Structure formats: C-alpha cells, structure tokens
Amino acid sequence: MAIDLPNLKAFLLSTPFFGGLSDDSLDLLITMLVERRFDIGATVVTEGETGRSMFIVHSGELAVNKRGNSGHDIRIADLAPSDFFGEMTLIEMQNRSATVVAESPIVLYELTAGKLYAYYKADIHAYVMVMQNINRELCRRLRRADDCIAGLQMSPASMMQVRARPAG
C-alpha cells in the first residue's frame, strides 16, 4: 500500500522515536518503512519467535502479553498510536520477549534490522539519534517496571504477619 508521505511525516515527527531528525534523514527513514495492517485479534508477534524488526503504531490498540511461570499470559502493557515495540530484538538479537495482539484494527510501520543497518550506512548521525531515542524509551520503561516492582514489595510489617501464620 502506498504511504501518504505528508501525513506519515507529520505523524512520525510527533512520536518520540523520530525526535531530532532532520527532514532529509526522516525522508530516508520513511522510504525504509513498510506499512502493515492487522485485524482485531491478530497476533502481530509471538513470544519466543525470531524477530528482526520493530514496529511503530500508527493507529489502533494492542495488548502486550508475557507468559507467566504458571503458564498463563500476563498483560504487561497496552500500546496506542505513537508507541513502538520490537526494538529489543534489534538491539540484543534475541527472540521476541512478549506476544503482541491487536485489540482493534491496526496500522503499523515496520522497520527491519536490514533496513536499520542500511540507515546506519547512509546516515550515521541520524542512526545514532534514532538509537538514542530508542534507549530513552527503554529507560522510561525500565523506570516504570522498577516502580511496579517496588509497588509489589511487601512492607516489613506485612512480611512479619505472613511469617507468623501457622502452616496448614
């Protein structure tokens, strides 16, 4: 499907992923994106599968699920327009860390590892800016995860109550 360049460019400039890029650098990156559409309920990526691309959410809503120790899926995040996912596979070259499912009809823009490498070769300064933007978002996510973990931490008083309960 043809990309509507002016609207896509305005959208991308409004996302944190593309902050700081010059017009020429953004234009080059746009040529490397592939539009992907999914219907409600479609699985976009599956935890454990090989992944060599990331996605920017243009429209729609997605759920990010991770398999828990019990074998059940745990919802760990919601994604909406301007969010991106899949970047971890580009940085660490590991399999997908979670499953992402469309909760409405969605439009995504995919950037593959090969295209990202071509971007590096063509415009190293813009590549560094994109990687810095990804790193900033990863740090934000880590801080939110830290806050969630800290919120789950039991207080010393409640830990004493659990230890004091008789077994059985």
Protein backbone atom coordinates (compact mmCIF):
# COMPACT_ATOMS: atom_id res chain seq x y z
CA MET A 1 0.00 0.00 0.00
CA ALA A 2 1.33 3.47 -0.86
CA ILE A 3 2.41 5.63 2.04
CA ASP A 4 0.79 9.07 2.28
CA LEU A 5 4.08 10.92 2.78
CA PRO A 6 2.92 14.29 4.24
CA ASN A 7 0.57 12.71 6.79
CA LEU A 8 3.05 9.99 7.71
CA LYS A 9 5.84 12.51 8.12
CA ALA A 10 3.70 14.69 10.43
CA PHE A 11 2.74 11.62 12.45
CA LEU A 12 6.32 10.40 12.77
CA LEU A 13 7.55 13.82 13.85
CA SER A 14 5.00 13.73 16.67
CA THR A 15 6.47 10.47 18.07
CA PRO A 16 9.44 10.31 20.44
CA PHE A 17 11.10 7.72 18.21
CA PHE A 18 11.91 10.25 15.47
CA GLY A 19 12.75 13.28 17.61
CA GLY A 20 15.71 15.36 16.46
CA LEU A 21 15.91 14.03 12.90
CA SER A 22 16.41 16.42 10.00
CA ASP A 23 13.93 16.44 7.12
CA ASP A 24 16.33 14.59 4.84
CA SER A 25 17.10 11.95 7.47
CA LEU A 26 13.40 11.43 8.17
CA ASP A 27 12.62 11.20 4.45
CA LEU A 28 15.26 8.49 4.07
CA LEU A 29 13.91 6.54 7.01
CA ILE A 30 10.35 6.77 5.68
CA THR A 31 11.47 5.00 2.48
CA MET A 32 12.59 2.09 4.66
CA LEU A 33 9.28 1.62 6.48
CA VAL A 34 6.70 -0.94 5.39
CA GLU A 35 3.06 -0.46 6.28
CA ARG A 36 1.41 -3.48 7.95
CA ARG A 37 -2.30 -3.84 8.70
CA PHE A 38 -3.87 -6.32 11.11
CA ASP A 39 -7.46 -7.09 12.08
CA ILE A 40 -8.75 -7.26 15.62
CA GLY A 41 -7.48 -10.37 17.42
CA ALA A 42 -4.48 -10.86 15.12
CA THR A 43 -1.18 -11.81 16.73
CA VAL A 44 1.50 -9.45 15.43
CA VAL A 45 4.48 -11.09 17.17
CA THR A 46 4.73 -14.15 19.41
CA GLU A 47 6.90 -14.54 22.50
CA GLY A 48 9.91 -16.73 21.73
CA GLU A 49 9.83 -16.38 17.95
CA THR A 50 12.75 -14.99 16.00
CA GLY A 51 12.33 -11.28 15.44
CA ARG A 52 14.35 -8.98 13.29
CA SER A 53 12.11 -5.94 13.08
CA MET A 54 10.35 -3.33 15.14
CA PHE A 55 7.01 -1.62 14.69
CA ILE A 56 5.66 1.90 15.16
CA VAL A 57 1.92 2.04 15.98
CA HIS A 58 0.15 4.41 13.60
CA SER A 59 -3.43 3.56 14.57
CA GLY A 60 -5.26 1.09 16.74
CA GLU A 61 -4.61 -0.53 20.11
CA LEU A 62 -2.57 -3.55 21.06
CA ALA A 63 -2.01 -5.68 24.15
CA VAL A 64 1.43 -6.91 25.17
CA ASN A 65 1.34 -10.26 26.98
CA LYS A 66 4.07 -12.31 28.60
CA ARG A 67 3.85 -15.96 29.62
CA GLY A 68 4.00 -16.25 33.42
CA ASN A 69 5.55 -19.05 35.44
CA SER A 70 2.07 -20.55 35.83
CA GLY A 71 1.79 -20.88 32.06
CA HIS A 72 -0.88 -18.18 31.79
CA ASP A 73 -0.45 -15.00 29.80
CA ILE A 74 0.01 -11.83 31.84
CA ARG A 75 -0.86 -8.48 30.30
CA ILE A 76 2.17 -6.27 30.82
CA ALA A 77 1.41 -3.26 28.61
CA ASP A 78 -1.03 -1.57 26.28
CA LEU A 79 0.13 0.11 23.08
CA ALA A 80 -1.51 3.01 21.25
CA PRO A 81 -0.60 5.34 18.38
CA SER A 82 2.96 6.72 18.60
CA ASP A 83 4.18 3.73 20.66
CA PHE A 84 6.72 1.31 19.28
CA PHE A 85 7.66 -2.28 20.04
CA GLY A 86 10.05 -4.97 18.88
CA GLU A 87 13.11 -2.77 19.29
CA MET A 88 14.67 -5.19 21.80
CA THR A 89 15.26 -7.79 19.08
CA LEU A 90 17.16 -5.21 17.04
CA ILE A 91 19.42 -4.28 19.93
CA GLU A 92 20.13 -7.61 21.59
CA MET A 93 19.43 -10.03 18.70
CA GLN A 94 17.30 -12.29 20.92
CA ASN A 95 13.90 -13.82 20.28
CA ARG A 96 10.71 -11.88 20.93
CA SER A 97 10.20 -11.23 24.64
CA ALA A 98 6.40 -10.97 24.53
CA THR A 99 3.32 -11.58 22.40
CA VAL A 100 1.56 -8.55 20.90
CA VAL A 101 -2.09 -8.85 19.87
CA ALA A 102 -4.31 -6.35 18.03
CA GLU A 103 -7.25 -5.19 20.15
CA SER A 104 -8.69 -3.22 17.25
CA PRO A 105 -7.87 -2.94 13.56
CA ILE A 106 -4.32 -1.57 13.48
CA VAL A 107 -1.85 0.07 11.14
CA LEU A 108 1.83 -0.36 11.94
CA TYR A 109 5.03 0.71 10.24
CA GLU A 110 7.72 -1.94 10.30
CA LEU A 111 11.47 -1.27 10.29
CA THR A 112 13.63 -4.35 9.76
CA ALA A 113 17.15 -4.89 11.08
CA GLY A 114 18.43 -4.88 7.50
CA LYS A 115 16.85 -1.51 6.78
CA LEU A 116 18.14 -0.11 10.07
CA TYR A 117 21.64 -1.23 9.08
CA ALA A 118 21.23 0.45 5.69
CA TYR A 119 20.18 3.60 7.56
CA TYR A 120 23.36 3.36 9.64
CA LYS A 121 25.45 3.10 6.47
CA ALA A 122 23.65 6.01 4.79
CA ASP A 123 23.37 8.48 7.69
CA ILE A 124 25.30 7.53 10.82
CA HIS A 125 24.36 10.71 12.69
CA ALA A 126 20.64 10.11 12.19
CA TYR A 127 21.11 6.44 13.10
CA VAL A 128 22.72 7.48 16.40
CA MET A 129 19.79 9.82 17.08
CA VAL A 130 17.27 7.02 16.43
CA MET A 131 19.19 4.65 18.70
CA GLN A 132 19.36 7.33 21.40
CA ASN A 133 15.58 7.79 21.13
CA ILE A 134 15.08 4.03 21.48
CA ASN A 135 17.38 3.99 24.51
CA ARG A 136 15.46 6.83 26.15
CA GLU A 137 12.21 4.92 25.75
CA LEU A 138 13.79 1.74 27.11
CA CYS A 139 14.96 3.70 30.16
CA ARG A 140 11.43 5.08 30.67
CA ARG A 141 10.03 1.55 30.50
CA LEU A 142 12.65 0.28 32.94
CA ARG A 143 11.77 3.04 35.41
CA ARG A 144 8.05 2.16 35.14
CA ALA A 145 8.90 -1.53 35.67
CA ASP A 146 11.03 -0.59 38.70
CA ASP A 147 8.10 1.37 40.13
CA CYS A 148 5.76 -1.60 39.58
CA ILE A 149 8.20 -3.98 41.25
CA ALA A 150 8.66 -1.59 44.16
CA GLY A 151 4.89 -1.35 44.48
CA LEU A 152 4.69 -5.12 44.83
CA GLN A 153 7.29 -5.19 47.58
CA MET A 154 5.78 -6.17 50.88
CA SER A 155 6.35 -3.92 53.87
CA PRO A 156 8.35 -5.39 56.78
CA ALA A 157 5.19 -5.44 58.92
CA SER A 158 3.19 -7.43 56.36
CA MET A 159 6.13 -9.83 55.86
CA MET A 160 6.14 -10.50 59.62
CA GLN A 161 2.41 -11.31 59.50
CA VAL A 162 2.98 -13.81 56.68
CA ARG A 163 5.85 -15.48 58.56
CA ALA A 164 3.84 -15.62 61.79
CA ARG A 165 0.93 -17.54 60.22
CA PRO A 166 0.84 -21.23 61.06
CA ALA A 167 1.36 -23.63 58.17
CA GLY A 168 -1.51 -25.76 57.03
